[in-house]
Protein backbone atom coordinates (compact mmCIF):
# COMPACT_ATOMS: atom_id res chain seq x y z
CA UNK A 1 -36.73 30.61 -6.79
CA UNK A 2 -39.28 30.95 -10.36
CA UNK A 3 -40.54 34.04 -11.27
CA UNK A 4 -43.92 34.87 -12.78
CA UNK A 5 -43.76 36.68 -15.78
CA UNK A 6 -44.87 40.49 -15.97
CA UNK A 7 -46.55 40.75 -18.93
CA UNK A 8 -46.33 43.29 -20.20
CA UNK A 9 -43.41 44.94 -19.03
CA UNK A 10 -41.29 47.49 -21.42
CA UNK A 11 -38.25 48.56 -19.43
CA UNK A 12 -38.64 52.61 -19.94
CA UNK A 13 -36.83 55.23 -18.18
CA UNK A 14 -39.51 56.21 -16.08
CA UNK A 15 -40.16 52.20 -14.50
CA UNK A 16 -36.38 51.50 -14.72
CA UNK A 17 -35.12 53.30 -11.40
CA UNK A 18 -37.67 52.65 -9.18
CA UNK A 19 -38.24 48.83 -9.75
CA UNK A 20 -34.86 48.19 -9.93
CA UNK A 21 -33.76 50.96 -6.71
CA UNK A 22 -35.86 48.63 -4.48
CA UNK A 23 -35.00 45.46 -5.68
CA UNK A 24 -31.27 45.99 -5.19
CA UNK A 25 -31.94 47.16 -1.72
CA UNK A 26 -34.08 44.30 -0.40
CA UNK A 27 -32.69 41.24 -2.32
CA UNK A 28 -29.57 39.79 -1.23
CA UNK A 29 -29.05 37.77 -4.22
CA UNK A 30 -26.81 38.72 -7.38
CA UNK A 31 -28.63 39.89 -10.60
CA UNK A 32 -29.65 41.07 -13.59
CA UNK A 33 -31.28 41.87 -16.17
CA UNK A 34 -30.42 41.77 -19.92
CA UNK A 35 -32.32 41.71 -23.12
CA UNK A 36 -32.22 39.36 -26.00
CA UNK A 37 -28.81 40.24 -26.87
CA UNK A 38 -27.58 39.96 -23.42
CA UNK A 39 -27.09 43.24 -22.89
CA UNK A 40 -27.27 44.98 -19.08
CA UNK A 41 -30.24 46.65 -18.40
CA UNK A 42 -30.37 46.79 -14.76
CA UNK A 43 -28.45 44.73 -11.57
CA UNK A 44 -27.40 45.24 -8.28
CA UNK A 45 -24.16 46.23 -6.50
CA UNK A 46 -24.01 42.19 -5.55
CA UNK A 47 -23.61 40.93 -8.95
CA UNK A 48 -21.23 43.73 -10.08
CA UNK A 49 -18.90 42.34 -6.83
CA UNK A 50 -19.17 39.23 -7.99
CA UNK A 51 -18.16 39.50 -10.86
CA UNK A 52 -15.14 42.21 -10.39
CA UNK A 53 -16.25 44.15 -12.96
CA UNK A 54 -15.63 47.76 -12.83
CA UNK A 55 -17.46 50.73 -13.85
CA UNK A 56 -21.17 51.16 -15.19
CA UNK A 57 -22.96 47.69 -16.35
CA UNK A 58 -25.62 48.99 -18.35
CA UNK A 59 -25.41 48.05 -21.61
CA UNK A 60 -22.22 46.06 -21.78
CA UNK A 61 -22.81 42.04 -22.13
CA UNK A 62 -22.81 39.98 -19.19
CA UNK A 63 -21.62 37.11 -21.08
CA UNK A 64 -18.22 39.18 -21.27
CA UNK A 65 -17.82 38.79 -17.25
CA UNK A 66 -19.52 35.22 -16.97
CA UNK A 67 -18.16 32.53 -19.12
CA UNK A 68 -20.01 29.88 -18.64
CA UNK A 69 -22.63 32.14 -20.50
CA UNK A 70 -19.84 32.16 -23.86
CA UNK A 71 -20.37 30.16 -26.61
CA UNK A 72 -23.66 30.49 -27.80
CA UNK A 73 -24.24 32.81 -30.53
CA UNK A 74 -25.00 36.11 -31.44
CA UNK A 75 -28.66 36.60 -29.36
CA UNK A 76 -27.48 34.19 -26.36
CA UNK A 77 -31.35 34.52 -24.99
CA UNK A 78 -32.79 34.20 -28.23
CA UNK A 79 -33.59 30.56 -28.06
CA UNK A 80 -34.20 30.65 -24.33
CA UNK A 81 -37.87 30.84 -23.50
CA UNK A 82 -37.98 28.81 -20.36
CA UNK A 83 -36.07 29.14 -16.98
CA UNK A 84 -33.46 26.59 -16.60
CA UNK A 85 -29.96 26.79 -14.03
CA UNK A 86 -26.35 25.74 -14.18
CA UNK A 87 -25.93 24.11 -11.23
CA UNK A 88 -22.55 24.81 -9.18
CA UNK A 89 -20.60 26.47 -11.22
CA UNK A 90 -17.23 26.95 -9.71
CA UNK A 91 -15.73 30.49 -9.79
CA UNK A 92 -12.90 32.23 -8.19
CA UNK A 93 -12.33 35.77 -7.29
CA UNK A 94 -8.98 37.78 -6.10
CA UNK A 95 -11.29 38.19 -2.78
CA UNK A 96 -12.82 34.70 -2.85
CA UNK A 97 -11.49 31.68 -4.14
CA UNK A 98 -13.22 28.70 -4.67
CA UNK A 99 -16.99 30.25 -4.51
CA UNK A 100 -19.63 28.59 -6.32
CA UNK A 101 -23.14 29.33 -7.02
CA UNK A 102 -25.90 28.73 -9.25
CA UNK A 103 -26.35 30.14 -12.41
CA UNK A 104 -30.23 30.59 -13.20
CA UNK A 105 -32.00 32.64 -16.14
CA UNK A 106 -35.33 33.09 -16.55
CA UNK A 107 -37.76 35.29 -18.87
CA UNK A 108 -39.45 38.22 -17.01
CA UNK A 109 -41.55 38.95 -19.82
CA UNK A 110 -44.27 37.25 -22.66
CA UNK A 111 -42.78 37.25 -25.30
CA UNK A 112 -39.60 36.80 -23.97
CA UNK A 113 -37.50 40.41 -24.20
CA UNK A 114 -35.93 40.31 -20.93
CA UNK A 115 -34.33 37.59 -18.59
CA UNK A 116 -33.48 37.56 -14.81
CA UNK A 117 -30.07 36.26 -14.55
CA UNK A 118 -28.91 35.11 -11.08
CA UNK A 119 -25.78 34.14 -8.88
CA UNK A 120 -27.41 32.04 -6.36
CA UNK A 121 -24.38 31.37 -2.98
CA UNK A 122 -23.88 27.68 -3.49
CA UNK A 123 -20.43 28.01 -1.34
CA UNK A 124 -21.37 26.55 1.67
CA UNK A 125 -23.15 23.52 0.43
CA UNK A 126 -20.90 22.87 -2.30
CA UNK A 127 -18.00 23.12 0.08
CA UNK A 128 -19.98 20.74 2.35
CA UNK A 129 -20.68 18.32 -0.34
CA UNK A 130 -17.08 18.06 -0.67
CA UNK A 131 -16.49 17.22 2.78
CA UNK A 132 -18.50 14.60 2.86
CA UNK A 133 -17.38 12.89 -0.14
CA UNK A 134 -14.21 13.37 1.51
CA UNK A 135 -15.46 11.76 4.61
CA UNK A 136 -17.37 9.00 2.34
CA UNK A 137 -13.52 8.47 0.40
CA UNK A 138 -12.05 8.03 3.56
CA UNK A 139 -14.50 5.81 5.62
CA UNK A 140 -14.33 3.59 2.54
CA UNK A 141 -10.34 3.76 2.77
CA UNK A 142 -10.97 2.86 6.55
CA UNK A 143 -13.23 0.00 6.15
CA UNK A 144 -11.06 -1.12 3.15
CA UNK A 145 -7.82 -1.08 5.12
CA UNK A 146 -9.66 -3.00 8.04
CA UNK A 147 -11.20 -5.35 5.90
CA UNK A 148 -7.53 -6.46 4.08
CA UNK A 149 -6.72 -6.65 8.61
CA UNK A 150 -9.16 -8.50 9.34
CA UNK A 151 -7.76 -11.04 6.81
CA UNK A 152 -4.45 -10.68 7.63
CA UNK A 153 -5.44 -11.72 11.19
CA UNK A 154 -7.59 -14.43 10.02
CA UNK A 155 -4.74 -15.63 8.14
CA UNK A 156 -2.40 -15.29 10.20
CA UNK A 157 -4.19 -16.75 13.17
CA UNK A 158 -4.68 -19.73 10.42
CA UNK A 159 -1.15 -20.17 10.00
CA UNK A 160 0.29 -19.76 13.61
CA UNK A 161 -2.41 -22.83 14.28
CA UNK A 162 -1.20 -24.98 11.50
CA UNK A 163 2.12 -24.17 12.76
CA UNK A 164 1.33 -24.47 16.41
CA UNK A 165 -0.24 -27.84 16.05
CA UNK A 166 2.61 -29.17 13.70
CA UNK A 167 5.41 -27.61 16.42
CA UNK A 168 3.19 -29.59 19.25
CA UNK A 169 4.35 -33.10 16.80
CA UNK A 170 7.75 -32.37 16.29
CA UNK A 171 8.76 -31.00 20.07
CA UNK A 172 8.08 -34.31 21.04
CA UNK A 173 10.60 -36.07 19.80
CA UNK A 174 12.93 -33.61 20.63
CA UNK A 175 11.77 -32.85 24.09
CA UNK A 176 11.66 -36.60 24.51
CA UNK A 177 15.00 -37.13 23.50
CA UNK A 178 15.92 -34.44 26.39
CA UNK A 179 14.08 -36.65 28.93
CA UNK A 180 15.16 -39.36 27.82
CA UNK A 181 19.38 -38.72 28.01
CA UNK A 182 18.69 -36.31 30.72
CA UNK A 183 17.54 -39.19 33.06
CA UNK A 184 19.78 -41.98 31.52
CA UNK A 185 22.69 -39.26 32.74
CA UNK A 186 21.46 -38.60 36.13
CA UNK A 187 20.18 -42.60 37.31
CA UNK A 188 23.11 -43.77 35.40
CA UNK A 189 26.30 -41.69 35.66
CA UNK A 190 28.65 -43.82 37.51
CA UNK A 191 28.35 -46.88 35.18
CA UNK A 192 28.19 -44.73 32.06
CA UNK A 193 31.47 -43.86 30.40
CA UNK A 194 33.22 -40.65 29.12
CA UNK A 195 31.85 -40.64 25.68
CA UNK A 196 28.57 -42.18 26.59
CA UNK A 197 28.40 -39.34 28.45
CA UNK A 198 28.87 -36.97 25.91
CA UNK A 199 26.62 -38.49 23.46
CA UNK A 200 23.90 -38.12 25.56
CA UNK A 201 24.94 -34.29 26.30
CA UNK A 202 25.21 -33.89 22.34
CA UNK A 203 21.68 -35.68 21.71
CA UNK A 204 20.68 -33.18 24.47
CA UNK A 205 22.21 -30.02 22.79
CA UNK A 206 21.25 -30.95 19.35
CA UNK A 207 17.38 -31.48 20.46
CA UNK A 208 17.81 -27.93 22.30
CA UNK A 209 18.49 -26.30 19.18
CA UNK A 210 15.74 -28.02 17.08
CA UNK A 211 13.70 -26.69 19.60
CA UNK A 212 14.57 -23.24 19.57
CA UNK A 213 14.54 -22.98 15.54
CA UNK A 214 10.94 -24.25 15.71
CA UNK A 215 10.26 -21.74 18.41
CA UNK A 216 11.87 -19.02 16.51
CA UNK A 217 10.50 -19.54 13.49
CA UNK A 218 6.75 -19.17 15.31
CA UNK A 219 7.89 -16.03 16.60
CA UNK A 220 8.80 -14.91 13.72
CA UNK A 221 6.00 -15.92 11.64
CA UNK A 222 3.84 -13.80 13.79
CA UNK A 223 5.69 -11.19 13.58
CA UNK A 224 6.45 -10.38 9.60
CA UNK A 225 3.22 -10.58 8.65
CA UNK A 226 1.43 -7.54 10.49
CA UNK A 227 4.90 -5.87 10.99
CA UNK A 228 5.53 -2.60 9.05
CA UNK A 229 8.86 -1.96 8.65
CA UNK A 230 11.36 1.09 7.09
CA UNK A 231 14.14 -0.39 4.69
CA UNK A 232 17.05 1.19 5.09
CA UNK A 233 20.59 0.14 3.60
CA UNK A 234 22.24 -3.23 4.29
CA UNK A 235 25.61 -4.24 4.92
CA UNK A 236 25.38 -7.18 3.82
CA UNK A 237 28.40 -8.73 4.57
CA UNK A 238 28.43 -8.04 8.56
CA UNK A 239 24.25 -9.44 8.08
CA UNK A 240 25.68 -12.96 6.53
CA UNK A 241 28.31 -12.66 8.88
CA UNK A 242 25.96 -12.45 11.97
CA UNK A 243 24.04 -15.33 10.16
CA UNK A 244 27.71 -17.67 9.72
CA UNK A 245 28.32 -16.81 13.32
CA UNK A 246 24.35 -18.13 14.50
CA UNK A 247 25.41 -21.50 12.90
CA UNK A 248 28.70 -21.85 13.98
CA UNK A 249 28.39 -25.58 15.36
CA UNK A 250 26.62 -26.84 12.21
CA UNK A 251 29.38 -25.62 10.01
CA UNK A 252 32.04 -27.13 11.85
CA UNK A 253 30.03 -30.74 12.62
CA UNK A 254 29.11 -30.36 8.90
CA UNK A 255 32.56 -29.67 7.99
CA UNK A 256 31.07 -27.24 5.07
CA UNK A 257 33.31 -25.28 2.86
CA UNK A 258 31.77 -21.56 2.08
CA UNK A 259 32.92 -18.59 -0.23
CA UNK A 260 31.86 -15.44 -0.10
CA UNK A 261 32.20 -12.50 -2.19
CA UNK A 262 34.96 -9.70 -1.56
CA UNK A 263 32.23 -6.64 -1.82
CA UNK A 264 28.39 -6.92 -1.92
CA UNK A 265 25.86 -4.58 -3.75
CA UNK A 266 24.37 -2.34 -1.70
CA UNK A 267 20.52 -3.07 -1.14
CA UNK A 268 17.13 -1.14 0.69
CA UNK A 269 15.98 -4.15 3.37
CA UNK A 270 15.52 -4.71 7.19
CA UNK A 271 18.67 -6.48 8.76
CA UNK A 272 16.88 -8.61 11.21
CA UNK A 273 14.53 -9.75 8.28
CA UNK A 274 17.22 -10.42 6.06
CA UNK A 275 19.57 -12.03 8.31
CA UNK A 276 16.62 -14.54 8.81
CA UNK A 277 16.79 -15.46 4.85
CA UNK A 278 19.77 -16.17 5.34
CA UNK A 279 20.51 -18.17 8.05
CA UNK A 280 17.32 -20.32 6.25
CA UNK A 281 19.42 -20.35 3.05
CA UNK A 282 22.50 -21.36 5.10
CA UNK A 283 20.66 -23.75 7.41
CA UNK A 284 19.75 -25.65 4.75
CA UNK A 285 22.43 -25.95 2.36
CA UNK A 286 24.58 -27.13 5.76
CA UNK A 287 21.46 -30.07 5.80
CA UNK A 288 20.93 -30.76 2.24
CA UNK A 289 24.33 -29.98 0.60
CA UNK A 290 26.83 -32.31 -0.40
CA UNK A 291 29.33 -34.17 2.37
CA UNK A 292 30.98 -32.05 2.96
CA UNK A 293 28.74 -29.03 1.81
CA UNK A 294 30.49 -27.03 -0.12
CA UNK A 295 28.48 -23.69 0.04
CA UNK A 296 28.88 -20.51 -2.62
CA UNK A 297 27.03 -16.77 -1.49
CA UNK A 298 27.37 -13.90 -4.45
CA UNK A 299 24.63 -10.96 -5.47
CA UNK A 300 24.46 -9.41 -8.54
CA UNK A 301 22.66 -5.85 -9.40
CA UNK A 302 20.71 -6.20 -12.41
CA UNK A 303 19.33 -4.07 -14.34
CA UNK A 304 15.28 -3.97 -13.32
CA UNK A 305 17.21 -1.69 -10.33
CA UNK A 306 16.74 -5.05 -8.32
CA UNK A 307 20.35 -7.03 -6.28
CA UNK A 308 19.57 -10.96 -6.39
CA UNK A 309 21.22 -12.51 -4.08
CA UNK A 310 22.15 -16.39 -4.52
CA UNK A 311 23.95 -18.93 -2.84
CA UNK A 312 24.86 -22.06 -4.41
CA UNK A 313 25.08 -25.52 -3.15
CA UNK A 314 26.73 -29.20 -4.36
CA UNK A 315 23.86 -31.12 -2.90
CA UNK A 316 21.71 -33.48 -4.76
CA UNK A 317 19.50 -31.39 -6.56
CA UNK A 318 15.67 -30.99 -6.51
CA UNK A 319 13.65 -32.03 -9.13
CA UNK A 320 10.82 -29.35 -11.31
CA UNK A 321 8.03 -31.25 -9.70
CA UNK A 322 9.32 -30.21 -5.96
CA UNK A 323 11.19 -26.68 -6.86
CA UNK A 324 7.34 -25.62 -7.89
CA UNK A 325 6.13 -26.13 -4.31
CA UNK A 326 9.18 -25.93 -2.27
CA UNK A 327 8.60 -22.17 -1.00
CA UNK A 328 4.71 -23.54 0.24
CA UNK A 329 3.70 -23.14 3.87
CA UNK A 330 4.87 -26.49 5.60
CA UNK A 331 6.38 -28.58 2.44
CA UNK A 332 9.33 -30.20 3.15
CA UNK A 333 11.40 -31.77 0.64
CA UNK A 334 13.86 -35.21 1.82
CA UNK A 335 11.83 -36.06 5.05
CA UNK A 336 13.54 -39.33 5.46
CA UNK A 337 16.98 -37.75 4.81
CA UNK A 338 17.10 -34.48 6.47
CA UNK A 339 14.71 -33.47 9.66
CA UNK A 340 13.09 -30.41 9.45
CA UNK A 341 9.75 -28.58 9.94
CA UNK A 342 8.99 -26.87 6.55
CA UNK A 343 8.64 -23.75 7.09
CA UNK A 344 11.64 -21.75 7.10
CA UNK A 345 11.47 -21.47 3.28
CA UNK A 346 7.48 -20.53 3.52
CA UNK A 347 8.82 -18.02 5.71
CA UNK A 348 11.52 -16.63 3.88
CA UNK A 349 9.27 -15.78 0.67
CA UNK A 350 6.52 -13.61 3.46
CA UNK A 351 9.91 -11.59 4.06
CA UNK A 352 10.84 -10.46 0.71
CA UNK A 353 7.58 -10.21 -0.51
CA UNK A 354 7.04 -7.90 2.18
CA UNK A 355 10.21 -5.80 1.20
CA UNK A 356 9.68 -5.87 -2.22
CA UNK A 357 11.24 -8.23 -3.96
CA UNK A 358 10.71 -12.06 -4.98
CA UNK A 359 12.47 -15.90 -3.96
CA UNK A 360 13.50 -18.46 -6.76
CA UNK A 361 14.78 -21.53 -6.83
CA UNK A 362 16.94 -22.94 -9.56
CA UNK A 363 18.33 -26.52 -9.44
CA UNK A 364 18.70 -29.84 -11.45
CA UNK A 365 18.57 -33.31 -10.25
CA UNK A 366 22.59 -34.20 -9.94
CA UNK A 367 23.96 -30.94 -10.38
CA UNK A 368 22.66 -29.04 -6.64
CA UNK A 369 20.65 -26.13 -6.38
CA UNK A 370 20.78 -21.85 -6.25
CA UNK A 371 18.87 -20.25 -3.91
CA UNK A 372 18.04 -16.90 -4.14
CA UNK A 373 16.11 -13.67 -3.45
CA UNK A 374 16.30 -10.26 -5.06
CA UNK A 375 15.88 -6.61 -3.01
CA UNK A 376 15.37 -3.17 -4.62
CA UNK A 377 18.76 -1.37 -4.95
CA UNK A 378 20.10 1.14 -2.77
CA UNK A 379 20.87 4.16 -5.21
CA UNK A 380 22.10 7.07 -2.92
């Protein structure tokens, strides 16, 4: 609040008790009146409580109690001819931590010989501003999180739409096979040999497995992106065992030779997803490997705190330009040799990324391929 200069005003012993006793009783703002040297001429109890200064303050330097005034030379008020304010000065007392006030200084006389110093409590206002700032930050984070979720949702919808179209197209062949061979067996059972019936049933079974694999990938794709999982120490021997159990018939049909390490380093991840990684790698190795496939699995603890898991096959190898796009959505290599729907490795890449790792492939034409993925090592 501005003050009009009281000119002339000299604070002699006759005026001082009357004037300042009245102000002290009526004013609910902490104040002190000081001379040009900063010495306190008068003050009210509220100021003394605010600065927690014991004893009589008259004649003492106000800067000794208000560090905000420290730093000015000798006569700290000598150069202040106009009012000024230090807003939102933070201060803590033993009774009230974290209070805020505006420190205002303005001359009372002309020429300036005395100054009025007030501490206007702004604690409630400052706390409100802090709360509003916190709420704004939380709102911005919430909006950013919502926008990110919407982008992820839109991307997932687009992926699912693309994949659904591709699945619908690729399901036609196995469905046609199932219907055709089922009708053949049903209508001409008495005319078919046992071998012909067995071949028809094998074709039906193979087509059904293919359909199941497509649908499993579709469901997994829908699950991976929006799901948040907690990584746990992995029993990799058991996980690989489950993946091989799922591929048991494919292993038998291909007469594959699979080499496993005696022990595995422990990594962090989510077991069901890591099983899908191995199932995909192994399935591709059994399909694209040599005749018969020879698959070697292993792992190594790296200096960067990650565990690199890998599978090496004895297949024909992959050209460098194909390696670069192998983990891209809907990419399928060697279409003429091996059936496939081209999404498995893309899902593997998404899974590994969500678990904090990376995927890789090393290959040379004629020398087989090594597929790998990394996960954080368990240090507990």
